[in-house]
Protein backbone atom coordinates (compact mmCIF):
# COMPACT_ATOMS: atom_id res chain seq x y z
CA MET A 1 -6.54 -8.39 2.32
CA HIS A 2 -6.82 -11.78 0.60
CA LYS A 3 -7.57 -10.03 -2.69
CA VAL A 4 -4.51 -7.80 -2.30
CA ILE A 5 -2.28 -10.79 -1.60
CA MET A 6 -3.66 -12.70 -4.58
CA THR A 7 -3.13 -9.65 -6.81
CA PHE A 8 0.41 -9.34 -5.53
CA LEU A 9 1.16 -13.00 -6.20
CA SER A 10 -0.36 -12.77 -9.68
CA ILE A 11 1.76 -9.75 -10.55
CA LEU A 12 4.86 -11.39 -9.13
CA GLY A 13 4.18 -14.50 -11.21
CA LEU A 14 3.68 -12.46 -14.38
CA MET A 15 6.87 -10.51 -13.72
CA THR A 16 8.92 -13.70 -13.61
CA ILE A 17 7.43 -14.85 -16.91
CA LEU A 18 7.42 -11.55 -18.81
CA VAL A 19 10.71 -9.97 -17.70
CA PRO A 20 13.72 -11.09 -19.72
CA ALA A 21 16.53 -12.60 -17.65
CA ASP A 22 18.93 -9.74 -18.45
CA ALA A 23 16.41 -6.95 -17.68
CA ALA A 24 16.79 -4.98 -14.48
CA ILE A 25 13.72 -4.47 -12.32
CA VAL A 26 13.58 -0.80 -11.43
CA ASP A 27 11.06 -1.05 -8.61
CA GLN A 28 9.30 -4.06 -7.12
CA VAL A 29 5.49 -3.97 -6.96
CA LEU A 30 4.32 -5.07 -3.51
CA ALA A 31 0.57 -4.60 -3.97
CA THR A 32 -2.04 -2.84 -6.07
CA VAL A 33 -4.85 -0.65 -4.80
CA ASN A 34 -7.57 0.28 -7.29
CA ASN A 35 -5.25 -0.54 -10.21
CA GLU A 36 -2.40 1.59 -8.78
CA ALA A 37 0.85 -0.08 -7.78
CA ILE A 38 2.39 0.21 -4.35
CA THR A 39 6.09 -0.27 -4.88
CA LEU A 40 9.04 -1.08 -2.67
CA SER A 41 10.07 2.58 -3.01
CA ASP A 42 6.63 3.64 -1.72
CA TYR A 43 7.05 1.27 1.22
CA LYS A 44 10.54 2.58 2.05
CA ARG A 45 9.27 6.18 1.87
CA PHE A 46 6.35 5.26 4.14
CA ILE A 47 8.52 3.70 6.85
CA SER A 48 10.87 6.68 6.66
CA GLU A 49 7.99 9.20 6.97
CA THR A 50 6.40 7.33 9.86
CA GLY A 51 9.69 6.95 11.72
CA SER A 52 9.25 3.20 11.91
CA PRO A 53 12.24 1.21 13.15
CA ALA A 54 11.47 -1.47 10.54
CA SER A 55 14.20 -2.48 8.12
CA PRO A 56 13.68 -1.05 4.63
CA GLU A 57 15.23 -4.22 3.21
CA ARG A 58 12.57 -6.58 4.57
CA VAL A 59 8.86 -5.89 4.05
CA ASP A 60 6.88 -6.01 7.27
CA GLU A 61 3.39 -7.29 6.40
CA SER A 62 1.66 -5.21 9.09
CA LEU A 63 3.34 -2.01 7.86
CA LEU A 64 2.46 -2.85 4.26
CA LYS A 65 -1.16 -3.35 5.35
CA LYS A 66 -1.06 0.07 7.07
CA LEU A 67 0.31 1.65 3.87
CA ILE A 68 -2.46 -0.01 1.83
CA ASP A 69 -5.11 1.14 4.34
CA ASP A 70 -3.75 4.69 4.25
CA LYS A 71 -3.84 4.71 0.45
CA ILE A 72 -7.46 3.46 0.41
CA ILE A 73 -8.46 6.08 2.99
CA LYS A 74 -6.76 8.90 1.03
CA GLU A 75 -8.51 7.83 -2.16
CA PHE A 76 -11.85 7.74 -0.32
CA GLN A 77 -11.20 11.18 1.18
CA ASN A 78 -10.25 12.63 -2.20
CA SER A 79 -13.24 11.17 -4.01
CA ASN A 80 -15.60 12.48 -1.29
CA ASN A 81 -13.83 15.81 -0.70
CA LEU A 82 -13.24 15.02 2.98
CA SER A 83 -10.53 16.55 5.13
CA ASP A 84 -8.68 14.36 7.62
CA GLU A 85 -10.86 15.72 10.42
CA GLU A 86 -14.12 15.13 8.50
CA PHE A 87 -13.05 11.58 7.68
CA LYS A 88 -12.16 10.86 11.31
CA LYS A 89 -15.56 12.12 12.47
CA LYS A 90 -17.38 9.94 9.94
CA ALA A 91 -15.26 6.91 10.82
CA CYS A 92 -15.84 7.38 14.57
CA ARG A 93 -19.59 7.69 14.05
CA ARG A 94 -19.49 4.34 12.25
CA GLY A 95 -17.37 2.71 14.93
CA TYR A 96 -13.99 2.83 13.18
CA ASN A 97 -11.38 4.63 15.24
CA ASN A 98 -8.09 3.02 14.23
CA HIS A 99 -6.96 6.01 12.12
C-alpha cells in the first residue's frame, strides 16, 4: 500500500508541474496498478457498482484500497486463467478469505 501511495503522490506532483495552468484535467489518477491508472471515474463506477453509500465526490481510502485489491486479483486471475471460484479456493487454501 505504501508503494501505491508513493506512486500516487509522485504522479500528482508531476501533474502539477507538467500540466499547463489553462489545461483541463479530464480524469484524475488516484493510483496505478502494474503501470495502469486507476482514475476518479473508475472509483466512481466502482462505488456505484458495489452500491456503496460513499460520496463520489470524496475518495474513501478503504474503498480505494478495495478497488486496487480487486484490480490486482482480476489481473492475477486473468494471467493464471482462474475463474472466481478457482481463485477463491486457492485463496482459502492459503488462508486468505477476505474476497
